[in-house]
Amino acid sequence: MIHYERRRPAMALDPPSVEMPTPQVRERIAHGMSGLPVLAGCVLGVLGGGALFLLFTAVASDRGADAVNLPLGILGLAIALASIVTGLGLTPVAPGEARVVQFLGRYTGTIRADGLRWVNPFTNRRRISTRIRNLETEVAKVNDADGNPIEIAAVVVWHVEDTAKAVFEVDDFLEFVAIQAETAVRHIANNYPYDAHDSNDMSLRDNADEITLKLSAEIGVRVASAGVRVIESRITRLAYAPEIAHAMLQRQQASAVVAARQRIVEGAVGMVEMALDRLAENNVVDLDEERKAAMVSNLLVVLCGDRSTQPVVNAGSLYH
């Protein structure tokens, strides 16, 4: 006789207690203004300053530079240079992106409003995409809660919610999200079986919706320190490892056959009971216990057999 070891029920997962350092910076709006008026002023300044400088050059070539014309030339050159330097602060921001602004290494704010904006021209402005992104993890080979090797992969939908954390709290937020997502997938796979033997237990195959909710919650906790919000996650690949796939397929087929035979037997017993009740109710034939047992046996053979039955015609009496 083959004895099956009862598997311990899978316990519900709480969000992982990952201790991350307290964030040093949080996103705030950078000081700035609309860039269109500044652009117009810079263009006028360059044209006006250039005109004054050319006028000074023309006068100086005809009459020679003197104390009266020299300030005019210096003023024109200064206006043109100041306009050019001011124009360096013009920052175009496309929809779905932000600019993280730093001045002398210090974080001063984030530009999220799209269009042409103007900020301090001596700042460093790093472009960060805030669009929704997809991350597909590599196919990982892990052991499930029963110790069976399985292959699992997932897709994570996410976007940057806090640009300051994404830039300053982690070294590379793209790599950070990828590694933490794979870690969460492996952790989920280790805590649940591929297929549950008990209908009350959760499994990776039968409880996909519940498992993906737990997966999204765990990934969200792990990547929150990088200013990333997880929108959704889905398991895209779930299969037994090749070395045990054939054995697991045979076990699944055996379980399916047992379940099917159980349904067939239940239905056959119900049909036999109904037949006996109808015969007794309509007084079609009066069967003693011996003949009733024979009839039940014959009906069960007909209803539960895998092959078509071959009827035997009784040419004698009822009892011979």
C-alpha atoms as a PDB file:
ATOM      1  CA  MET A   1       0.000   0.000   0.000  1.00  0.00           C
ATOM      2  CA  ILE A   2       1.301   3.432  -0.920  1.00  0.00           C
ATOM      3  CA  HIS A   3       1.139   6.061   1.817  1.00  0.00           C
ATOM      4  CA  TYR A   4       1.054   9.742   0.927  1.00  0.00           C
ATOM      5  CA  GLU A   5       2.596  12.228   3.274  1.00  0.00           C
ATOM      6  CA  ARG A   6       0.189  14.978   4.232  1.00  0.00           C
ATOM      7  CA  ARG A   7       1.560  18.360   3.257  1.00  0.00           C
ATOM      8  CA  ARG A   8       1.337  21.177   5.741  1.00  0.00           C
ATOM      9  CA  PRO A   9      -1.143  23.869   4.647  1.00  0.00           C
ATOM     10  CA  ALA A  10       0.364  26.942   3.064  1.00  0.00           C
ATOM     11  CA  MET A  11       0.200  29.902   5.374  1.00  0.00           C
ATOM     12  CA  ALA A  12      -0.831  33.361   4.245  1.00  0.00           C
ATOM     13  CA  LEU A  13       2.080  35.641   3.568  1.00  0.00           C
ATOM     14  CA  ASP A  14       2.394  38.943   5.328  1.00  0.00           C
ATOM     15  CA  PRO A  15       4.206  41.792   3.627  1.00  0.00           C
ATOM     16  CA  PRO A  16       7.946  41.224   4.000  1.00  0.00           C
ATOM     17  CA  SER A  17       9.588  43.144   6.812  1.00  0.00           C
ATOM     18  CA  VAL A  18      12.365  44.650   4.725  1.00  0.00           C
ATOM     19  CA  GLU A  19      14.140  47.312   6.729  1.00  0.00           C
ATOM     20  CA  MET A  20      15.269  50.119   4.460  1.00  0.00           C
ATOM     21  CA  PRO A  21      17.069  53.294   5.563  1.00  0.00           C
ATOM     22  CA  THR A  22      14.919  56.348   6.159  1.00  0.00           C
ATOM     23  CA  PRO A  23      14.691  58.351   2.913  1.00  0.00           C
ATOM     24  CA  GLN A  24      17.010  61.326   2.948  1.00  0.00           C
ATOM     25  CA  VAL A  25      15.122  63.259   0.270  1.00  0.00           C
ATOM     26  CA  ARG A  26      11.569  63.367  -0.991  1.00  0.00           C
ATOM     27  CA  GLU A  27      10.234  64.854  -4.165  1.00  0.00           C
ATOM     28  CA  ARG A  28       9.228  68.510  -4.178  1.00  0.00           C
ATOM     29  CA  ILE A  29       8.400  70.974  -6.917  1.00  0.00           C
ATOM     30  CA  ALA A  30      11.357  72.922  -8.290  1.00  0.00           C
ATOM     31  CA  HIS A  31      11.231  76.717  -8.375  1.00  0.00           C
ATOM     32  CA  GLY A  32      10.890  77.987 -11.913  1.00  0.00           C
ATOM     33  CA  MET A  33       8.647  79.770 -14.363  1.00  0.00           C
ATOM     34  CA  SER A  34       7.218  79.452 -17.827  1.00  0.00           C
ATOM     35  CA  GLY A  35       9.956  79.402 -20.427  1.00  0.00           C
ATOM     36  CA  LEU A  36       8.187  81.221 -23.284  1.00  0.00           C
ATOM     37  CA  PRO A  37       8.547  84.774 -21.838  1.00  0.00           C
ATOM     38  CA  VAL A  38      12.143  84.042 -20.904  1.00  0.00           C
ATOM     39  CA  LEU A  39      12.814  82.729 -24.426  1.00  0.00           C
ATOM     40  CA  ALA A  40      11.370  85.899 -25.950  1.00  0.00           C
ATOM     41  CA  GLY A  41      13.452  88.062 -23.594  1.00  0.00           C
ATOM     42  CA  CYS A  42      16.622  86.121 -24.406  1.00  0.00           C
ATOM     43  CA  VAL A  43      16.058  86.503 -28.137  1.00  0.00           C
ATOM     44  CA  LEU A  44      15.493  90.249 -27.779  1.00  0.00           C
ATOM     45  CA  GLY A  45      18.519  90.553 -25.486  1.00  0.00           C
ATOM     46  CA  VAL A  46      20.799  88.745 -27.924  1.00  0.00           C
ATOM     47  CA  LEU A  47      19.541  90.794 -30.871  1.00  0.00           C
ATOM     48  CA  GLY A  48      19.671  94.117 -28.996  1.00  0.00           C
ATOM     49  CA  GLY A  49      23.044  93.470 -27.385  1.00  0.00           C
ATOM     50  CA  GLY A  50      24.464  92.273 -30.661  1.00  0.00           C
ATOM     51  CA  ALA A  51      23.157  95.398 -32.429  1.00  0.00           C
ATOM     52  CA  LEU A  52      24.787  97.694 -29.842  1.00  0.00           C
ATOM     53  CA  PHE A  53      28.070  95.832 -30.130  1.00  0.00           C
ATOM     54  CA  LEU A  54      28.019  96.018 -33.926  1.00  0.00           C
ATOM     55  CA  LEU A  55      27.197  99.710 -33.738  1.00  0.00           C
ATOM     56  CA  PHE A  56      30.169 100.247 -31.444  1.00  0.00           C
ATOM     57  CA  THR A  57      32.389  98.269 -33.816  1.00  0.00           C
ATOM     58  CA  ALA A  58      31.265 100.320 -36.829  1.00  0.00           C
ATOM     59  CA  VAL A  59      31.795 103.633 -35.040  1.00  0.00           C
ATOM     60  CA  ALA A  60      35.163 102.514 -33.709  1.00  0.00           C
ATOM     61  CA  SER A  61      36.344 101.536 -37.179  1.00  0.00           C
ATOM     62  CA  ASP A  62      35.405 104.953 -38.582  1.00  0.00           C
ATOM     63  CA  ARG A  63      36.374 107.303 -35.790  1.00  0.00           C
ATOM     64  CA  GLY A  64      38.371 105.129 -33.408  1.00  0.00           C
ATOM     65  CA  ALA A  65      37.280 103.948 -29.945  1.00  0.00           C
ATOM     66  CA  ASP A  66      36.799 106.727 -27.444  1.00  0.00           C
ATOM     67  CA  ALA A  67      35.564 107.033 -23.901  1.00  0.00           C
ATOM     68  CA  VAL A  68      31.992 107.747 -25.105  1.00  0.00           C
ATOM     69  CA  ASN A  69      31.542 104.736 -27.404  1.00  0.00           C
ATOM     70  CA  LEU A  70      33.418 102.173 -25.298  1.00  0.00           C
ATOM     71  CA  PRO A  71      30.689 101.747 -22.597  1.00  0.00           C
ATOM     72  CA  LEU A  72      28.127 101.308 -25.380  1.00  0.00           C
ATOM     73  CA  GLY A  73      30.054  98.374 -26.823  1.00  0.00           C
ATOM     74  CA  ILE A  74      30.660  96.809 -23.414  1.00  0.00           C
ATOM     75  CA  LEU A  75      26.959  97.171 -22.561  1.00  0.00           C
ATOM     76  CA  GLY A  76      25.870  95.492 -25.794  1.00  0.00           C
ATOM     77  CA  LEU A  77      28.300  92.616 -25.314  1.00  0.00           C
ATOM     78  CA  ALA A  78      27.204  92.150 -21.680  1.00  0.00           C
ATOM     79  CA  ILE A  79      23.510  92.099 -22.651  1.00  0.00           C
ATOM     80  CA  ALA A  80      24.126  89.482 -25.336  1.00  0.00           C
ATOM     81  CA  LEU A  81      26.216  87.269 -23.035  1.00  0.00           C
ATOM     82  CA  ALA A  82      23.694  87.591 -20.188  1.00  0.00           C
ATOM     83  CA  SER A  83      20.862  86.623 -22.544  1.00  0.00           C
ATOM     84  CA  ILE A  84      22.776  83.561 -23.714  1.00  0.00           C
ATOM     85  CA  VAL A  85      23.545  82.478 -20.141  1.00  0.00           C
ATOM     86  CA  THR A  86      19.907  83.028 -19.120  1.00  0.00           C
ATOM     87  CA  GLY A  87      18.756  80.956 -22.079  1.00  0.00           C
ATOM     88  CA  LEU A  88      20.754  78.006 -20.769  1.00  0.00           C
ATOM     89  CA  GLY A  89      18.107  77.689 -18.046  1.00  0.00           C
ATOM     90  CA  LEU A  90      15.382  76.900 -20.584  1.00  0.00           C
ATOM     91  CA  THR A  91      14.298  73.288 -20.059  1.00  0.00           C
ATOM     92  CA  PRO A  92      11.845  71.465 -22.357  1.00  0.00           C
ATOM     93  CA  VAL A  93       9.816  68.814 -20.512  1.00  0.00           C
ATOM     94  CA  ALA A  94       7.904  66.233 -22.550  1.00  0.00           C
ATOM     95  CA  PRO A  95       4.673  64.607 -21.298  1.00  0.00           C
ATOM     96  CA  GLY A  96       5.419  61.517 -19.234  1.00  0.00           C
ATOM     97  CA  GLU A  97       8.793  62.676 -17.971  1.00  0.00           C
ATOM     98  CA  ALA A  98      10.249  64.858 -15.229  1.00  0.00           C
ATOM     99  CA  ARG A  99      13.506  66.711 -14.609  1.00  0.00           C
ATOM    100  CA  VAL A 100      15.373  66.313 -11.313  1.00  0.00           C
ATOM    101  CA  VAL A 101      17.139  69.604 -10.604  1.00  0.00           C
ATOM    102  CA  GLN A 102      20.435  69.825  -8.659  1.00  0.00           C
ATOM    103  CA  PHE A 103      22.434  72.915  -7.799  1.00  0.00           C
ATOM    104  CA  LEU A 104      26.039  72.284  -6.790  1.00  0.00           C
ATOM    105  CA  GLY A 105      25.133  68.690  -5.901  1.00  0.00           C
ATOM    106  CA  ARG A 106      22.136  69.660  -3.759  1.00  0.00           C
ATOM    107  CA  TYR A 107      18.644  68.529  -4.726  1.00  0.00           C
ATOM    108  CA  THR A 108      16.455  71.584  -5.294  1.00  0.00           C
ATOM    109  CA  GLY A 109      13.287  70.075  -6.758  1.00  0.00           C
ATOM    110  CA  THR A 110      11.622  68.297  -9.654  1.00  0.00           C
ATOM    111  CA  ILE A 111       9.994  69.759 -12.744  1.00  0.00           C
ATOM    112  CA  ARG A 112       6.865  67.794 -13.666  1.00  0.00           C
ATOM    113  CA  ALA A 113       4.888  70.367 -15.677  1.00  0.00           C
ATOM    114  CA  ASP A 114       5.317  69.650 -19.365  1.00  0.00           C
ATOM    115  CA  GLY A 115       6.277  72.332 -21.848  1.00  0.00           C
ATOM    116  CA  LEU A 116       9.105  74.856 -21.857  1.00  0.00           C
ATOM    117  CA  ARG A 117      10.184  75.769 -18.319  1.00  0.00           C
ATOM    118  CA  TRP A 118      12.966  77.965 -17.001  1.00  0.00           C
ATOM    119  CA  VAL A 119      15.096  77.298 -13.926  1.00  0.00           C
ATOM    120  CA  ASN A 120      18.458  78.427 -12.640  1.00  0.00           C
ATOM    121  CA  PRO A 121      20.837  78.012 -15.632  1.00  0.00           C
ATOM    122  CA  PHE A 122      23.661  76.810 -13.360  1.00  0.00           C
ATOM    123  CA  THR A 123      21.739  73.715 -12.217  1.00  0.00           C
ATOM    124  CA  ASN A 124      22.037  70.156 -13.421  1.00  0.00           C
ATOM    125  CA  ARG A 125      18.761  68.739 -14.781  1.00  0.00           C
ATOM    126  CA  ARG A 126      18.455  64.950 -15.032  1.00  0.00           C
ATOM    127  CA  ARG A 127      15.689  63.488 -17.154  1.00  0.00           C
ATOM    128  CA  ILE A 128      13.556  60.767 -15.483  1.00  0.00           C
ATOM    129  CA  SER A 129      10.733  58.937 -17.268  1.00  0.00           C
ATOM    130  CA  THR A 130       7.490  58.711 -15.304  1.00  0.00           C
ATOM    131  CA  ARG A 131       5.728  56.619 -17.947  1.00  0.00           C
ATOM    132  CA  ILE A 132       4.266  53.208 -17.140  1.00  0.00           C
ATOM    133  CA  ARG A 133       6.793  50.439 -17.767  1.00  0.00           C
ATOM    134  CA  ASN A 134       6.745  46.667 -18.104  1.00  0.00           C
ATOM    135  CA  LEU A 135       9.340  44.401 -16.538  1.00  0.00           C
ATOM    136  CA  GLU A 136       9.426  40.719 -17.454  1.00  0.00           C
ATOM    137  CA  THR A 137      11.542  38.678 -15.081  1.00  0.00           C
ATOM    138  CA  GLU A 138      13.804  35.916 -16.284  1.00  0.00           C
ATOM    139  CA  VAL A 139      12.517  32.358 -16.036  1.00  0.00           C
ATOM    140  CA  ALA A 140      13.621  31.270 -12.560  1.00  0.00           C
ATOM    141  CA  LYS A 141      14.046  27.655 -11.501  1.00  0.00           C
ATOM    142  CA  VAL A 142      13.037  27.331  -7.846  1.00  0.00           C
ATOM    143  CA  ASN A 143      11.543  24.774  -5.459  1.00  0.00           C
ATOM    144  CA  ASP A 144       7.919  25.158  -4.456  1.00  0.00           C
ATOM    145  CA  ALA A 145       6.569  24.526  -0.947  1.00  0.00           C
ATOM    146  CA  ASP A 146       6.560  20.753  -1.598  1.00  0.00           C
ATOM    147  CA  GLY A 147      10.186  20.791  -2.735  1.00  0.00           C
ATOM    148  CA  ASN A 148       9.357  20.203  -6.403  1.00  0.00           C
ATOM    149  CA  PRO A 149      11.509  22.150  -8.887  1.00  0.00           C
ATOM    150  CA  ILE A 150       9.399  24.507 -10.999  1.00  0.00           C
ATOM    151  CA  GLU A 151      10.004  27.229 -13.572  1.00  0.00           C
ATOM    152  CA  ILE A 152       8.317  30.561 -12.968  1.00  0.00           C
ATOM    153  CA  ALA A 153       8.391  34.047 -14.478  1.00  0.00           C
ATOM    154  CA  ALA A 154       6.258  37.169 -14.075  1.00  0.00           C
ATOM    155  CA  VAL A 155       5.503  40.549 -15.635  1.00  0.00           C
ATOM    156  CA  VAL A 156       5.458  43.635 -13.411  1.00  0.00           C
ATOM    157  CA  VAL A 157       3.763  46.889 -14.427  1.00  0.00           C
ATOM    158  CA  TRP A 158       5.250  49.871 -12.599  1.00  0.00           C
ATOM    159  CA  HIS A 159       6.157  53.547 -12.808  1.00  0.00           C
ATOM    160  CA  VAL A 160       8.268  56.073 -10.934  1.00  0.00           C
ATOM    161  CA  GLU A 161       6.180  57.878  -8.339  1.00  0.00           C
ATOM    162  CA  ASP A 162       8.884  59.793  -6.425  1.00  0.00           C
ATOM    163  CA  THR A 163      11.700  60.967  -8.691  1.00  0.00           C
ATOM    164  CA  ALA A 164      13.903  62.119  -5.811  1.00  0.00           C
ATOM    165  CA  LYS A 165      13.935  58.648  -4.241  1.00  0.00           C
ATOM    166  CA  ALA A 166      14.527  57.018  -7.626  1.00  0.00           C
ATOM    167  CA  VAL A 167      17.636  59.138  -8.230  1.00  0.00           C
ATOM    168  CA  PHE A 168      19.156  59.541  -4.770  1.00  0.00           C
ATOM    169  CA  GLU A 169      17.997  56.585  -2.624  1.00  0.00           C
ATOM    170  CA  VAL A 170      19.295  53.771  -4.852  1.00  0.00           C
ATOM    171  CA  ASP A 171      22.264  53.472  -7.148  1.00  0.00           C
ATOM    172  CA  ASP A 172      20.309  52.398 -10.254  1.00  0.00           C
ATOM    173  CA  PHE A 173      16.541  52.207  -9.825  1.00  0.00           C
ATOM    174  CA  LEU A 174      16.041  50.159 -13.018  1.00  0.00           C
ATOM    175  CA  GLU A 175      18.383  47.427 -11.827  1.00  0.00           C
ATOM    176  CA  PHE A 176      16.985  47.691  -8.314  1.00  0.00           C
ATOM    177  CA  VAL A 177      13.411  47.064  -9.492  1.00  0.00           C
ATOM    178  CA  ALA A 178      14.494  44.119 -11.656  1.00  0.00           C
ATOM    179  CA  ILE A 179      16.379  42.382  -8.825  1.00  0.00           C
ATOM    180  CA  GLN A 180      13.674  42.980  -6.212  1.00  0.00           C
ATOM    181  CA  ALA A 181      10.949  41.727  -8.559  1.00  0.00           C
ATOM    182  CA  GLU A 182      12.859  38.491  -9.168  1.00  0.00           C
ATOM    183  CA  THR A 183      13.448  38.111  -5.421  1.00  0.00           C
ATOM    184  CA  ALA A 184       9.726  38.475  -4.712  1.00  0.00           C
ATOM    185  CA  VAL A 185       8.829  35.942  -7.408  1.00  0.00           C
ATOM    186  CA  ARG A 186      11.231  33.393  -5.913  1.00  0.00           C
ATOM    187  CA  HIS A 187       9.887  34.047  -2.397  1.00  0.00           C
ATOM    188  CA  ILE A 188       6.277  33.524  -3.489  1.00  0.00           C
ATOM    189  CA  ALA A 189       7.178  30.315  -5.344  1.00  0.00           C
ATOM    190  CA  ASN A 190       8.956  28.929  -2.262  1.00  0.00           C
ATOM    191  CA  ASN A 191       5.936  29.470  -0.014  1.00  0.00           C
ATOM    192  CA  TYR A 192       3.220  27.837  -2.124  1.00  0.00           C
ATOM    193  CA  PRO A 193       2.957  24.474  -3.878  1.00  0.00           C
ATOM    194  CA  TYR A 194       2.508  24.200  -7.599  1.00  0.00           C
ATOM    195  CA  ASP A 195      -0.605  22.060  -7.171  1.00  0.00           C
ATOM    196  CA  ALA A 196      -2.572  21.610  -3.942  1.00  0.00           C
ATOM    197  CA  HIS A 197      -3.568  18.125  -2.806  1.00  0.00           C
ATOM    198  CA  ASP A 198      -6.227  19.593  -0.535  1.00  0.00           C
ATOM    199  CA  SER A 199      -8.914  21.873  -1.942  1.00  0.00           C
ATOM    200  CA  ASN A 200      -8.615  24.129   1.122  1.00  0.00           C
ATOM    201  CA  ASP A 201      -4.959  24.966   0.470  1.00  0.00           C
ATOM    202  CA  MET A 202      -3.737  27.661  -1.887  1.00  0.00           C
ATOM    203  CA  SER A 203      -1.546  26.720  -4.835  1.00  0.00           C
ATOM    204  CA  LEU A 204       0.246  28.550  -7.605  1.00  0.00           C
ATOM    205  CA  ARG A 205      -1.839  26.897 -10.317  1.00  0.00           C
ATOM    206  CA  ASP A 206      -5.311  26.982  -8.774  1.00  0.00           C
ATOM    207  CA  ASN A 207      -5.207  30.371  -6.983  1.00  0.00           C
ATOM    208  CA  ALA A 208      -3.643  32.620  -9.608  1.00  0.00           C
ATOM    209  CA  ASP A 209      -5.602  35.741  -8.627  1.00  0.00           C
ATOM    210  CA  GLU A 210      -4.764  35.513  -4.922  1.00  0.00           C
ATOM    211  CA  ILE A 211      -1.111  34.708  -5.627  1.00  0.00           C
ATOM    212  CA  THR A 212      -0.695  37.662  -7.999  1.00  0.00           C
ATOM    213  CA  LEU A 213      -2.186  40.018  -5.405  1.00  0.00           C
ATOM    214  CA  LYS A 214       0.357  38.812  -2.848  1.00  0.00           C
ATOM    215  CA  LEU A 215       3.109  39.100  -5.439  1.00  0.00           C
ATOM    216  CA  SER A 216       2.169  42.704  -6.243  1.00  0.00           C
ATOM    217  CA  ALA A 217       2.057  43.591  -2.548  1.00  0.00           C
ATOM    218  CA  GLU A 218       5.479  42.080  -1.870  1.00  0.00           C
ATOM    219  CA  ILE A 219       7.140  43.734  -4.857  1.00  0.00           C
ATOM    220  CA  GLY A 220       5.545  47.056  -3.869  1.00  0.00           C
ATOM    221  CA  VAL A 221       7.020  46.852  -0.372  1.00  0.00           C
ATOM    222  CA  ARG A 222      10.461  45.996  -1.716  1.00  0.00           C
ATOM    223  CA  VAL A 223      10.670  48.808  -4.296  1.00  0.00           C
ATOM    224  CA  ALA A 224       8.938  51.558  -2.294  1.00  0.00           C
ATOM    225  CA  SER A 225      12.310  52.884  -1.117  1.00  0.00           C
ATOM    226  CA  ALA A 226      13.202  53.597  -4.759  1.00  0.00           C
ATOM    227  CA  GLY A 227      10.111  55.763  -5.260  1.00  0.00           C
ATOM    228  CA  VAL A 228       8.458  53.132  -7.471  1.00  0.00           C
ATOM    229  CA  ARG A 229       4.787  52.125  -7.364  1.00  0.00           C
ATOM    230  CA  VAL A 230       3.710  48.705  -8.627  1.00  0.00           C
ATOM    231  CA  ILE A 231       0.478  48.841 -10.617  1.00  0.00           C
ATOM    232  CA  GLU A 232       0.043  45.138 -11.330  1.00  0.00           C
ATOM    233  CA  SER A 233       1.956  41.890 -11.593  1.00  0.00           C
ATOM    234  CA  ARG A 234       1.071  38.638 -13.333  1.00  0.00           C
ATOM    235  CA  ILE A 235       2.690  35.220 -13.498  1.00  0.00           C
ATOM    236  CA  THR A 236       3.418  34.568 -17.174  1.00  0.00           C
ATOM    237  CA  ARG A 237       5.111  31.172 -16.941  1.00  0.00           C
ATOM    238  CA  LEU A 238       4.478  28.388 -14.472  1.00  0.00           C
ATOM    239  CA  ALA A 239       5.580  24.817 -15.163  1.00  0.00           C
ATOM    240  CA  TYR A 240       7.350  21.903 -13.580  1.00  0.00           C
ATOM    241  CA  ALA A 241      11.047  21.612 -14.324  1.00  0.00           C
ATOM    242  CA  PRO A 242      11.834  19.295 -17.261  1.00  0.00           C
ATOM    243  CA  GLU A 243      13.390  16.603 -15.068  1.00  0.00           C
ATOM    244  CA  ILE A 244      10.120  15.951 -13.180  1.00  0.00           C
ATOM    245  CA  ALA A 245       7.579  17.173 -15.723  1.00  0.00           C
ATOM    246  CA  HIS A 246       6.775  13.650 -16.969  1.00  0.00           C
ATOM    247  CA  ALA A 247       6.283  12.242 -13.467  1.00  0.00           C
ATOM    248  CA  MET A 248       4.111  15.181 -12.447  1.00  0.00           C
ATOM    249  CA  LEU A 249       2.043  14.774 -15.608  1.00  0.00           C
ATOM    250  CA  GLN A 250       1.414  11.139 -14.726  1.00  0.00           C
ATOM    251  CA  ARG A 251       0.356  12.154 -11.227  1.00  0.00           C
ATOM    252  CA  GLN A 252      -2.021  14.777 -12.598  1.00  0.00           C
ATOM    253  CA  GLN A 253      -3.470  12.271 -15.037  1.00  0.00           C
ATOM    254  CA  ALA A 254      -3.948   9.728 -12.246  1.00  0.00           C
ATOM    255  CA  SER A 255      -5.667  12.347 -10.090  1.00  0.00           C
ATOM    256  CA  ALA A 256      -7.924  13.262 -12.998  1.00  0.00           C
ATOM    257  CA  VAL A 257      -8.821   9.608 -13.610  1.00  0.00           C
ATOM    258  CA  VAL A 258      -9.624   9.066  -9.918  1.00  0.00           C
ATOM    259  CA  ALA A 259     -11.788  12.177  -9.821  1.00  0.00           C
ATOM    260  CA  ALA A 260     -13.588  11.152 -13.011  1.00  0.00           C
ATOM    261  CA  ARG A 261     -14.242   7.618 -11.733  1.00  0.00           C
ATOM    262  CA  GLN A 262     -15.553   9.045  -8.481  1.00  0.00           C
ATOM    263  CA  ARG A 263     -18.061  11.211 -10.362  1.00  0.00           C
ATOM    264  CA  ILE A 264     -19.066   8.235 -12.502  1.00  0.00           C
ATOM    265  CA  VAL A 265     -19.647   6.004  -9.473  1.00  0.00           C
ATOM    266  CA  GLU A 266     -21.653   8.706  -7.709  1.00  0.00           C
ATOM    267  CA  GLY A 267     -23.825   9.159 -10.773  1.00  0.00           C
ATOM    268  CA  ALA A 268     -24.238   5.403 -11.284  1.00  0.00           C
ATOM    269  CA  VAL A 269     -25.341   4.855  -7.680  1.00  0.00           C
ATOM    270  CA  GLY A 270     -27.908   7.601  -8.036  1.00  0.00           C
ATOM    271  CA  MET A 271     -29.261   6.094 -11.261  1.00  0.00           C
ATOM    272  CA  VAL A 272     -29.509   2.623  -9.687  1.00  0.00           C
ATOM    273  CA  GLU A 273     -31.401   4.025  -6.700  1.00  0.00           C
ATOM    274  CA  MET A 274     -33.759   5.852  -9.027  1.00  0.00           C
ATOM    275  CA  ALA A 275     -34.348   2.701 -11.101  1.00  0.00           C
ATOM    276  CA  LEU A 276     -35.149   0.565  -8.061  1.00  0.00           C
ATOM    277  CA  ASP A 277     -37.471   3.214  -6.649  1.00  0.00           C
ATOM    278  CA  ARG A 278     -39.353   3.548  -9.962  1.00  0.00           C
ATOM    279  CA  LEU A 279     -39.723  -0.241 -10.313  1.00  0.00           C
ATOM    280  CA  ALA A 280     -41.062  -0.542  -6.795  1.00  0.00           C
ATOM    281  CA  GLU A 281     -43.349   2.482  -7.179  1.00  0.00           C
ATOM    282  CA  ASN A 282     -44.960   1.270 -10.424  1.00  0.00           C
ATOM    283  CA  ASN A 283     -45.108  -2.399  -9.326  1.00  0.00           C
ATOM    284  CA  VAL A 284     -43.353  -3.462 -12.523  1.00  0.00           C
ATOM    285  CA  VAL A 285     -41.646  -6.460 -10.954  1.00  0.00           C
ATOM    286  CA  ASP A 286     -41.295  -7.788  -7.449  1.00  0.00           C
ATOM    287  CA  LEU A 287     -37.645  -8.529  -6.734  1.00  0.00           C
ATOM    288  CA  ASP A 288     -36.361 -10.350  -3.721  1.00  0.00           C
ATOM    289  CA  GLU A 289     -33.119  -9.304  -2.088  1.00  0.00           C
ATOM    290  CA  GLU A 290     -31.025 -11.749  -4.100  1.00  0.00           C
ATOM    291  CA  ARG A 291     -32.371 -10.623  -7.452  1.00  0.00           C
ATOM    292  CA  LYS A 292     -32.232  -7.002  -6.392  1.00  0.00           C
ATOM    293  CA  ALA A 293     -28.522  -7.394  -5.580  1.00  0.00           C
ATOM    294  CA  ALA A 294     -27.941  -9.034  -8.970  1.00  0.00           C
ATOM    295  CA  MET A 295     -29.721  -6.177 -10.724  1.00  0.00           C
ATOM    296  CA  VAL A 296     -27.701  -3.598  -8.842  1.00  0.00           C
ATOM    297  CA  SER A 297     -24.482  -5.404  -9.770  1.00  0.00           C
ATOM    298  CA  ASN A 298     -25.444  -5.567 -13.436  1.00  0.00           C
ATOM    299  CA  LEU A 299     -26.449  -1.896 -13.591  1.00  0.00           C
ATOM    300  CA  LEU A 300     -23.234  -0.784 -11.931  1.00  0.00           C
ATOM    301  CA  VAL A 301     -21.191  -2.853 -14.380  1.00  0.00           C
ATOM    302  CA  VAL A 302     -23.021  -1.262 -17.306  1.00  0.00           C
ATOM    303  CA  LEU A 303     -22.794   2.292 -15.994  1.00  0.00           C
ATOM    304  CA  CYS A 304     -19.241   2.205 -14.600  1.00  0.00           C
ATOM    305  CA  GLY A 305     -17.483   0.004 -17.150  1.00  0.00           C
ATOM    306  CA  ASP A 306     -14.808   1.423 -19.424  1.00  0.00           C
ATOM    307  CA  ARG A 307     -15.931  -0.726 -22.351  1.00  0.00           C
ATOM    308  CA  SER A 308     -19.273  -1.516 -23.887  1.00  0.00           C
ATOM    309  CA  THR A 309     -20.992  -4.407 -22.149  1.00  0.00           C
ATOM    310  CA  GLN A 310     -22.050  -7.589 -23.930  1.00  0.00           C
ATOM    311  CA  PRO A 311     -25.606  -8.512 -22.892  1.00  0.00           C
ATOM    312  CA  VAL A 312     -26.413 -12.151 -22.109  1.00  0.00           C
ATOM    313  CA  VAL A 313     -29.927 -13.282 -23.082  1.00  0.00           C
ATOM    314  CA  ASN A 314     -31.500 -15.573 -20.502  1.00  0.00           C
ATOM    315  CA  ALA A 315     -33.614 -18.075 -22.420  1.00  0.00           C
ATOM    316  CA  GLY A 316     -34.741 -19.897 -19.297  1.00  0.00           C
ATOM    317  CA  SER A 317     -36.864 -18.821 -16.385  1.00  0.00           C
ATOM    318  CA  LEU A 318     -36.224 -15.858 -14.150  1.00  0.00           C
ATOM    319  CA  TYR A 319     -34.228 -17.978 -11.719  1.00  0.00           C
ATOM    320  CA  HIS A 320     -32.309 -20.166 -14.200  1.00  0.00           C
END
